[in-house]
Amino acid sequence: MITEKLHRFLSSTSLVILSIAANQALAQESQSSADAENTMTLEEIVVTAQFREGNLQKTPLSITAVTGDGLRARGMTNAVDIGNTVPNAVIQPLGAGFGATAAAFIRGVGLGDVSLSYEPAVPIYLDGVYLGRPQGAFLDLLDLDRVEVLRGPQGTLSGKNAVGGAINLISRKPEGSGEGFVEARIGSDNRMDLKGSFDVALSPDKLFARISAASKTADGYHDILDYECVNGAGSLGAGTSSSFLLPGILPADLGSTATGDNCVVDTLGDENVQSGRLALRYIASDDVEILLSGDYTRQRQKGPSDKYTILADNGLNDAWAALVTEPLYGSSLDSRFVTDSPYTSYHRYGTDPISGRTVPNINNLDHWGVAATIDWDIADDMNLSATTSYRRFFNAFGRDSDGSPLPNNFTYDETTHKQFTQEVRLSGTTGALDWTVGGFYYWADDTNEGWGILYPGLITAQDAVDSQKVKSWALFFHGIYQVTEDFSVTGGARYTHDSKDIAIDRYNFLTGTYAIDNAQLSIGAERVTPMLSLNYQVTPDVMTYALYSRGFRGGGYSPRPANALQVAAFDPETVDNFEVGMKSQWLDGRLRLNLAGFYSKYKDMVQFKQFAADDPDNPSGANWFRALNTAQSHFFGLELEMNAELTSNMHIDGSVGWIDYTLEDDGGAGFCQTYTNGKPCLAPRTPTWTASIGADYTIDLGQSGTLTPRVDVRYQSRIFFLASTEGATYSDINGQAPYATVNGNITWRSADEDWEVSVYGRNLSNIAYFQGKLSLVGAFGREQGSVARPRELGVTLRRNF
């Protein structure tokens, strides 16, 4: 049945592509001389996705490429913003409790967790260096030449974990031009952003340097309110701890902490990031070039926006109230603590009443790395490239996880990541074959140390330490064989060997006992990820291709185990992709249309299965959400990208993505049956429709310069943050309704282009939409979500020199 659907889908998509290509070929033959006089064309975009420079329109892969100027025109400042232009992609901050982490999903595949137990599914590469953890990987877009987003599995080209796709951030290289810029931005919420870059020749024709720096600050947009200040003295409840079973451990009262008239005691969602990059480029000879670079990012922020969206009565909340909060405070954990505004909550950060430890309202990051690349032209048709890098980050973040003024749930985490990578590639041309062979090595040392309190007096309090050492190496080959002038075959394969050594501790600091005492686990895997593409150049402006590719994501272990018997491994996941596509240019290069249709088979999906404590298949003796390779699914999808110079003054670009997800078998996990209604399962963070459109128009002011207004609109259909069912009984749980965001700017440039002034607006429609939700309605009667920043207005001043 699936094979028949796949055949019909790819056949119909292929017919559409071929008919468009045929019409374009006829149009080429009948082109009028008047058309030939028009010299206005789109800028050619060069990409390096296939290990060598190539025209985007000649590369048989689904790639969204945005130049540095394009990023600036759209007002993009962070890697998260890139998702706004990519079809079938969602890139959003993961929210409170996950640190400096974003969730990247492309074509239905991604990662929505921060646990060391998982590998990313859409890895980030900075100047060719693989960033092994999602924390700290979504860097500010500092002085980039371009961004390349590859959609679909990239196991041959990008290596392990590229099952959804890959994101490549490519920085500007030093040229010794003596050029640079400084830029300042002020805006809503006391925003103050500064950035600058300078390119200089330290030794003419030999040694060049480029230094870039940026600072980004803004106040929080989410207010933490004092409950009693808002609702009146005594509204929270009152009591003493004299008759309580844990006297002296919980606070005797929960009096007001507000000091001002507005009842605001703290904020969430601020920005405070500083970053810098230094690159040195040395031309050793006509054949040898060396590039050295170092970058550093420092983040000192409060936690992300975080609020209750649902707080319902359930057995656990009622039991905790009866045992703890009602005797002590005369208060229950109930819906009173769900505020009306999406930008307010009743969190209570500070000293944890259980242990006296500090629960700081922080999300701090220090992330730095160095890299060295040597390029050696061994011969006219052969090049050797070697990149060595070392990177490290430290991320500390605290959370009042229940979002209420009651001392119900606190967490604090510190994550340290160290990695070393080495990649060597030999590329050349032999007759009609362009080839690349290479090897890759990755070593990482990861540790997460944290502690948490959950329903004190009823459930647990623990210190948790997870650590792992990871080694991975790979050998790969990629080639493009030109069979005829118009027909070529692209193929390749990568062999990857993975190994991990894991150690886990869980210590109850109230009882002084270990639930897990240095549990050890070693896992490993070997995989081959091939790719094959048949490419036909119908006309000089139209290329069609049929592609098969495979990717795999490394295995791991069930996250957040409660005891040693729950320290259990899961195997790698695999995605096979079948795709047909067309890349075309029309109207003498003024219109670019790229179309792709794909079918992806997702095998050995890792999903949770809930085991009761007395389940005979559960050896741990405790309730267990175990990660298992039980599920199989597939995706059908279509993607269209458009870029056009309608006139010499007007530019328009856009994209549309559609994806259909089918869960073939969940292996009995039941992870999509929380709200059963007979509807099909939907993949997490995967809207059926995504669309974007942007347009700008340049008005010539003569000697006074130019004025260019631009507007960008992005739409996505309903999204669920965990696997769920469409139209479920509680349709708002775990989801975000369809919405569209509007960004815009009006930019004045001086006639010599030395000065720019831009008035900008982001989220102009002021939509309050959720970027993430954690729905625990069934277990804890609660759901919390992170709301995006509201409307922001401001002005940017830039001086180019």
Foldseek 3Di string as FASTA:
>chain_A
DVVVVVCVQFVVVVVVQVVVLVVVVVCVVVPDVVLVVDPDFDDFDWDCLPVDTDTPQQDPFDKDKAFPVRCVQQVAWKLQVVQQFDAQWHWFCLFFPQFQAIWIAAQQDFDNHQDPQFWTQAWEAEQNRTDTGRRPRTGTLWQFGMKMWTAAADCFRNNANPHGTYIYTHHDAADQPQWKKWKWWAWPQRKIKIKMKTKHAPDPPFKIKMKIKMWIWGFAQFFAFWVCLVVHPCPQFAAACPPAPDPQLADQELGQPDDDNVRGDGHAAIWTKIKMKMKMWGPPDPFKIKIKMKMKMKTKHFGFQKAFPFFDDDDVQVVLCVRPCCNRGVHGRGPVQHDPDSRYGHFDFAQQSRPRHHQDRTRIKIKMKMKMKMWGDPDPFKIKIKMKMKIKMKIKHKDSVVRHSGNAKIKIKIKIKIKIKMKMKMWGDDPQKTKIKIKMKMKMKMKMWMWMHHSPPPDATKIKIKIKIKIKMKIKMWMWGPPDPFKIKIKMKMKMKIKMKMWIWIAGPVVGDTQEDGQIDMDIDIDMKMKMKIKGRSDVFKIKMKMKTKHKHAKGFWPDDRHNLRGGIEGIKMKIKIKIKMWGADSNNFKTKIKMKMKMKIALDWAWAWDDLPRPVRPSSHTDGGTYSQWIKMKIKMKMWMWGDPDVFKIKIKMKMAMDIATPTNNNRCQAVPQDDPAGKDRAPGFRMKMKMKMKGWAQPDQAAIKIKMKMKIKGAKGFRHIYGDPGPPNPARIKHIDMFMKIKMWGAGNVRQKIKIKIKTRVVFDFTFSGKDGPCPPRNIIMTGTDDGMMIIMMIMGID
